[in-house]
Amino acid sequence: MKLVLSDLQSELISKGEVMTNQFFTKHFFKSLLLVAALVMPHQALAQGVSIIVFDLEVAVGASKAGQDMSKQLRDQAEDLRKRADKFGEDLQAEATKLQEQRSLIAPDAWKVKVEELQTKEQTNRQKFNAEGQAIQAGGQKASREILNIADEELNKIAKERKADIVMNRKAVFFASPAIDVTDELVERVNKRISSVKVTPVTATQ
């Protein structure tokens, strides 16, 4: 039980930096422009091509809403871990008690009780795993809300700066702080959203 929850918690509380394939697909063309920019002759860059870079993961993680989301995910994951640990301890106590009573219980009755205990463990393990997946889905939903706003603000910055090319900071070996708009993006996101509700989403929702 602890092993499953350890993996789950690690995934859930990674600073709320949940990135979706949808967002990266949306910016794939921009990545192609980055490659084109890197192979451009220096003359082309000298002819007034405007470039800005950004780090969306940093921006979302540093934003007030991103930090609020991260805290909620940590709290929810910690609550789940505690409840699962408590269940594991109680189950172990039941198993120990049952073992002590083995000599007093008929073989058929013993078998039934063992199967009941196994079913209880399996049922609750599935329940906790489902809760973990629901928390993760809730985090993804909340993250998309922040990402959509960040995307809108990034597009505004690009238009205001009349940028010809918008690059992901992680794809650039070096970029002057003058063209890195990550901090500005954080400020803009903070003006629009300071918190976000992380509500677990079940598979049926």
Protein backbone atom coordinates (compact mmCIF):
# COMPACT_ATOMS: atom_id res chain seq x y z
CA MET A 1 0.00 0.00 0.00
CA LYS A 2 2.75 2.46 0.90
CA LEU A 3 4.64 1.76 -2.32
CA VAL A 4 1.63 2.60 -4.47
CA LEU A 5 0.90 5.75 -2.56
CA SER A 6 4.54 6.88 -2.65
CA ASP A 7 4.53 6.74 -6.44
CA LEU A 8 1.17 8.46 -6.52
CA GLN A 9 2.18 11.27 -4.18
CA SER A 10 5.35 11.92 -6.15
CA GLU A 11 3.28 12.35 -9.28
CA LEU A 12 0.63 14.52 -7.67
CA ILE A 13 2.76 17.09 -5.82
CA SER A 14 5.34 17.95 -8.45
CA LYS A 15 4.72 21.66 -7.81
CA GLY A 16 1.49 21.58 -9.73
CA GLU A 17 3.42 21.76 -13.00
CA VAL A 18 1.01 19.56 -14.93
CA MET A 19 1.52 20.09 -18.68
CA THR A 20 -0.92 18.64 -21.22
CA ASN A 21 -0.15 17.21 -24.62
CA GLN A 22 -2.79 19.55 -25.98
CA PHE A 23 -0.76 22.62 -25.04
CA PHE A 24 2.49 21.34 -26.51
CA THR A 25 0.70 20.34 -29.71
CA LYS A 26 -0.63 23.86 -29.90
CA HIS A 27 2.90 25.25 -29.71
CA PHE A 28 4.55 22.69 -31.94
CA PHE A 29 4.60 25.11 -34.84
CA LYS A 30 6.38 27.64 -32.65
CA SER A 31 9.06 25.05 -31.97
CA LEU A 32 9.53 24.66 -35.70
CA LEU A 33 10.00 28.40 -35.95
CA LEU A 34 12.67 28.10 -33.26
CA VAL A 35 14.60 25.62 -35.37
CA ALA A 36 14.27 27.90 -38.36
CA ALA A 37 15.59 30.81 -36.32
CA LEU A 38 18.63 28.86 -35.18
CA VAL A 39 19.65 28.12 -38.75
CA MET A 40 18.91 31.60 -40.08
CA PRO A 41 21.81 33.52 -41.53
CA HIS A 42 22.99 36.28 -39.23
CA GLN A 43 21.93 38.78 -41.88
CA ALA A 44 18.27 37.80 -41.44
CA LEU A 45 18.44 38.28 -37.66
CA ALA A 46 20.07 41.61 -38.21
CA GLN A 47 17.16 42.78 -40.34
CA GLY A 48 14.89 43.39 -37.36
CA VAL A 49 13.47 39.95 -36.59
CA SER A 50 11.86 40.23 -33.15
CA ILE A 51 12.19 37.21 -30.86
CA ILE A 52 10.87 36.56 -27.35
CA VAL A 53 11.36 33.52 -25.14
CA PHE A 54 9.29 32.15 -22.29
CA ASP A 55 9.26 29.31 -19.75
CA LEU A 56 5.68 28.28 -19.22
CA GLU A 57 6.38 25.73 -16.48
CA VAL A 58 8.24 28.33 -14.45
CA ALA A 59 5.52 30.91 -15.08
CA VAL A 60 2.70 28.63 -13.97
CA GLY A 61 4.65 27.34 -10.97
CA ALA A 62 5.59 30.85 -9.84
CA SER A 63 2.10 32.28 -10.31
CA LYS A 64 -0.19 32.70 -7.32
CA ALA A 65 -2.75 30.35 -8.84
CA GLY A 66 -0.06 27.78 -9.59
CA GLN A 67 1.24 27.85 -6.03
CA ASP A 68 -2.31 27.62 -4.69
CA MET A 69 -2.97 24.62 -6.94
CA SER A 70 0.25 22.96 -5.83
CA LYS A 71 -0.64 23.36 -2.15
CA GLN A 72 -4.08 21.86 -2.65
CA LEU A 73 -2.62 18.89 -4.50
CA ARG A 74 -0.09 18.32 -1.72
CA ASP A 75 -2.79 18.53 0.95
CA GLN A 76 -5.12 16.17 -0.89
CA ALA A 77 -2.34 13.66 -1.56
CA GLU A 78 -1.21 13.81 2.08
CA ASP A 79 -4.76 13.22 3.32
CA LEU A 80 -5.08 10.23 1.01
CA ARG A 81 -1.75 8.84 2.19
CA LYS A 82 -2.73 9.14 5.86
CA ARG A 83 -6.07 7.41 5.31
CA ALA A 84 -4.44 4.62 3.31
CA ASP A 85 -1.76 4.14 5.97
CA LYS A 86 -4.43 3.99 8.69
CA PHE A 87 -6.35 1.40 6.71
CA GLY A 88 -3.19 -0.64 6.23
CA GLU A 89 -2.45 -0.57 9.96
CA ASP A 90 -6.01 -1.60 10.83
CA LEU A 91 -5.93 -4.39 8.26
CA GLN A 92 -2.65 -5.69 9.65
CA ALA A 93 -4.14 -5.71 13.15
CA GLU A 94 -7.12 -7.72 11.89
CA ALA A 95 -4.81 -10.20 10.16
CA THR A 96 -2.72 -10.61 13.32
CA LYS A 97 -5.81 -11.18 15.45
CA LEU A 98 -7.16 -13.69 12.96
CA GLN A 99 -3.86 -15.57 12.99
CA GLU A 100 -3.96 -15.76 16.78
CA GLN A 101 -7.46 -17.28 16.62
CA ARG A 102 -6.61 -19.85 13.94
CA SER A 103 -6.53 -22.79 16.32
CA LEU A 104 -9.99 -21.89 17.59
CA ILE A 105 -11.64 -21.62 14.17
CA ALA A 106 -12.81 -24.48 11.96
CA PRO A 107 -10.82 -24.80 8.70
CA ASP A 108 -13.76 -23.85 6.49
CA ALA A 109 -14.61 -20.84 8.64
CA TRP A 110 -10.93 -19.85 8.67
CA LYS A 111 -10.79 -19.93 4.89
CA VAL A 112 -13.88 -17.74 4.64
CA LYS A 113 -12.45 -15.15 7.03
CA VAL A 114 -9.13 -15.04 5.16
CA GLU A 115 -10.94 -14.53 1.85
CA GLU A 116 -13.04 -11.77 3.41
CA LEU A 117 -9.90 -10.02 4.60
CA GLN A 118 -8.28 -10.33 1.16
CA THR A 119 -11.39 -8.94 -0.51
CA LYS A 120 -11.44 -6.04 1.92
CA GLU A 121 -7.79 -5.24 1.15
CA GLN A 122 -8.32 -5.43 -2.61
CA THR A 123 -11.50 -3.35 -2.55
CA ASN A 124 -9.94 -0.58 -0.52
CA ARG A 125 -6.73 -0.60 -2.56
CA GLN A 126 -8.83 -0.01 -5.68
CA LYS A 127 -10.74 2.72 -3.86
CA PHE A 128 -7.55 4.56 -2.85
CA ASN A 129 -6.08 4.23 -6.33
CA ALA A 130 -9.29 5.65 -7.81
CA GLU A 131 -9.13 8.57 -5.38
CA GLY A 132 -5.54 9.22 -6.40
CA GLN A 133 -6.49 9.25 -10.07
CA ALA A 134 -9.37 11.61 -9.29
CA ILE A 135 -7.00 14.02 -7.53
CA GLN A 136 -4.63 13.89 -10.48
CA ALA A 137 -7.48 14.57 -12.92
CA GLY A 138 -8.60 17.49 -10.76
CA GLY A 139 -5.09 18.89 -10.86
CA GLN A 140 -4.99 18.60 -14.64
CA LYS A 141 -8.30 20.41 -14.94
CA ALA A 142 -7.12 23.23 -12.66
CA SER A 143 -3.83 23.40 -14.53
CA ARG A 144 -5.61 23.83 -17.86
CA GLU A 145 -7.47 26.80 -16.42
CA ILE A 146 -4.17 28.50 -15.56
CA LEU A 147 -2.53 27.43 -18.81
CA ASN A 148 -5.34 28.89 -20.90
CA ILE A 149 -4.91 32.25 -19.21
CA ALA A 150 -1.13 32.10 -19.55
CA ASP A 151 -1.51 31.25 -23.23
CA GLU A 152 -3.80 34.23 -23.78
CA GLU A 153 -1.41 36.57 -22.00
CA LEU A 154 1.59 35.20 -23.90
CA ASN A 155 -0.17 35.91 -27.18
CA LYS A 156 -0.89 39.45 -25.99
CA ILE A 157 2.76 39.99 -25.08
CA ALA A 158 3.84 38.67 -28.47
CA LYS A 159 1.49 41.09 -30.25
CA GLU A 160 2.50 44.05 -28.09
CA ARG A 161 6.17 43.38 -28.73
CA LYS A 162 5.46 42.62 -32.37
CA ALA A 163 7.35 39.36 -32.00
CA ASP A 164 8.07 37.45 -35.17
CA ILE A 165 9.15 34.32 -33.28
CA VAL A 166 8.11 33.03 -29.84
CA MET A 167 10.47 30.43 -28.37
CA ASN A 168 10.27 28.03 -25.47
CA ARG A 169 13.09 28.99 -23.09
CA LYS A 170 14.03 25.35 -22.58
CA ALA A 171 14.82 25.00 -26.27
CA VAL A 172 17.32 27.86 -26.19
CA PHE A 173 20.89 27.48 -24.96
CA PHE A 174 21.12 31.15 -24.04
CA ALA A 175 18.75 34.10 -24.23
CA SER A 176 19.21 37.66 -23.07
CA PRO A 177 16.96 38.60 -20.14
CA ALA A 178 15.74 41.43 -22.33
CA ILE A 179 13.81 39.02 -24.53
CA ASP A 180 12.72 36.62 -21.76
CA VAL A 181 9.07 37.46 -20.93
CA THR A 182 8.56 34.81 -18.23
CA ASP A 183 8.47 37.29 -15.33
CA GLU A 184 6.08 39.55 -17.20
CA LEU A 185 3.90 36.53 -17.95
CA VAL A 186 3.76 35.68 -14.23
CA GLU A 187 2.66 39.24 -13.39
CA ARG A 188 -0.05 39.19 -16.02
CA VAL A 189 -1.38 35.82 -14.93
CA ASN A 190 -1.45 37.00 -11.30
CA LYS A 191 -3.58 39.99 -12.29
CA ARG A 192 -6.17 37.72 -13.82
CA ILE A 193 -6.21 34.79 -11.42
CA SER A 194 -4.79 34.36 -7.92
CA SER A 195 -6.30 31.02 -6.94
CA VAL A 196 -7.89 27.99 -8.52
CA LYS A 197 -10.10 25.28 -7.07
CA VAL A 198 -8.71 21.76 -7.31
CA THR A 199 -11.66 19.39 -7.20
CA PRO A 200 -11.03 15.65 -7.67
CA VAL A 201 -12.60 14.42 -10.89
CA THR A 202 -13.88 10.83 -10.99
CA ALA A 203 -13.85 8.70 -14.14
CA THR A 204 -17.62 9.08 -14.49
CA GLN A 205 -17.52 12.89 -14.45
